[in-house]
Amino acid sequence: MFRRKQPSPVEENQENGQEKQNGEPKSTTVESTPSNDPPPVSFFRLFRFATKSETLSNSVGVVCAIAAGAAQVRIRSVLVYFLTRNVS
């Protein structure tokens, strides 16, 4: 029902940026550019050069983050309790 109109060779060459030279289309080689992205690294290998004090600091931070996340649920339930109870 809804077919895409097939482009004519002239339109196709214009869309692809090709121009004809000597009756043949210009070659379309794709040049691959080298990626500057570093290769992926595992979590533990990421901290392989950390000193003992940095490792201790990271461990304390992880424990505190877990405690804050667990406390957030409890604090929310306490606040909801105090805000929704009937005051007489």
Protein backbone atom coordinates (compact mmCIF):
# COMPACT_ATOMS: atom_id res chain seq x y z
CA MET A 1 0.00 0.00 0.00
CA PHE A 2 2.68 2.48 0.98
CA ARG A 3 5.67 1.67 -1.15
CA ARG A 4 8.74 3.77 -1.11
CA LYS A 5 9.45 5.28 -4.46
CA GLN A 6 12.54 3.74 -6.01
CA PRO A 7 15.04 6.52 -6.71
CA SER A 8 16.34 6.96 -10.19
CA PRO A 9 20.08 6.36 -10.71
CA VAL A 10 20.68 10.11 -10.87
CA GLU A 11 18.84 10.70 -7.55
CA GLU A 12 20.60 7.74 -5.95
CA ASN A 13 24.02 9.08 -6.92
CA GLN A 14 23.13 12.52 -5.59
CA GLU A 15 21.90 11.08 -2.28
CA ASN A 16 25.04 9.03 -1.82
CA GLY A 17 27.30 11.89 -2.84
CA GLN A 18 28.56 10.00 -5.84
CA GLU A 19 29.49 11.61 -9.08
CA LYS A 20 30.15 9.78 -12.28
CA GLN A 21 33.61 9.86 -13.71
CA ASN A 22 34.15 8.47 -17.20
CA GLY A 23 30.69 6.88 -17.14
CA GLU A 24 31.37 4.86 -13.97
CA PRO A 25 30.30 5.77 -10.46
CA LYS A 26 32.91 7.00 -8.05
CA SER A 27 34.21 4.29 -5.75
CA THR A 28 32.70 4.32 -2.30
CA THR A 29 35.30 3.03 0.12
CA VAL A 30 34.52 3.51 3.78
CA GLU A 31 37.51 4.69 5.70
CA SER A 32 37.49 3.36 9.22
CA THR A 33 38.67 5.88 11.76
CA PRO A 34 40.49 4.49 14.77
CA SER A 35 38.46 4.73 17.94
CA ASN A 36 39.95 6.69 20.81
CA ASP A 37 37.81 4.81 23.35
CA PRO A 38 39.79 2.80 25.89
CA PRO A 39 39.04 -0.92 26.08
CA PRO A 40 36.55 -2.05 28.74
CA VAL A 41 37.99 -2.91 32.15
CA SER A 42 36.58 -5.13 34.90
CA PHE A 43 35.50 -3.56 38.20
CA PHE A 44 38.32 -5.00 40.29
CA ARG A 45 40.97 -4.24 37.70
CA LEU A 46 39.82 -0.62 37.73
CA PHE A 47 41.22 -0.17 41.25
CA ARG A 48 44.40 -2.23 40.87
CA PHE A 49 46.69 0.76 41.54
CA ALA A 50 44.73 2.04 44.57
CA THR A 51 46.64 2.38 47.81
CA LYS A 52 45.47 0.80 51.07
CA SER A 53 44.06 4.10 52.32
CA GLU A 54 42.11 4.60 49.08
CA THR A 55 40.74 1.05 49.27
CA LEU A 56 39.70 1.64 52.90
CA SER A 57 38.08 4.94 51.96
CA ASN A 58 36.16 3.31 49.09
CA SER A 59 35.01 0.48 51.38
CA VAL A 60 33.76 2.91 54.04
CA GLY A 61 31.95 4.87 51.32
CA VAL A 62 30.22 1.75 49.98
CA VAL A 63 29.08 0.73 53.47
CA CYS A 64 27.77 4.26 54.18
CA ALA A 65 25.92 4.32 50.85
CA ILE A 66 24.23 1.00 51.64
CA ALA A 67 23.27 2.26 55.11
CA ALA A 68 21.86 5.51 53.68
CA GLY A 69 19.79 3.59 51.13
CA ALA A 70 18.41 1.25 53.80
CA ALA A 71 17.67 4.13 56.19
CA GLN A 72 15.83 6.08 53.51
CA VAL A 73 13.04 3.50 53.40
CA ARG A 74 12.67 3.51 57.19
CA ILE A 75 12.70 7.31 57.44
CA ARG A 76 10.04 7.57 54.75
CA SER A 77 7.76 5.14 56.57
CA VAL A 78 8.24 7.03 59.88
CA LEU A 79 7.46 10.36 58.22
CA VAL A 80 4.35 8.95 56.56
CA TYR A 81 3.21 7.58 59.92
CA PHE A 82 3.59 10.92 61.69
CA LEU A 83 2.07 12.95 58.87
CA THR A 84 -1.01 10.76 58.41
CA ARG A 85 -2.02 9.99 62.01
CA ASN A 86 -4.87 11.83 63.62
CA VAL A 87 -3.82 14.52 66.03
CA SER A 88 -6.33 14.99 68.84
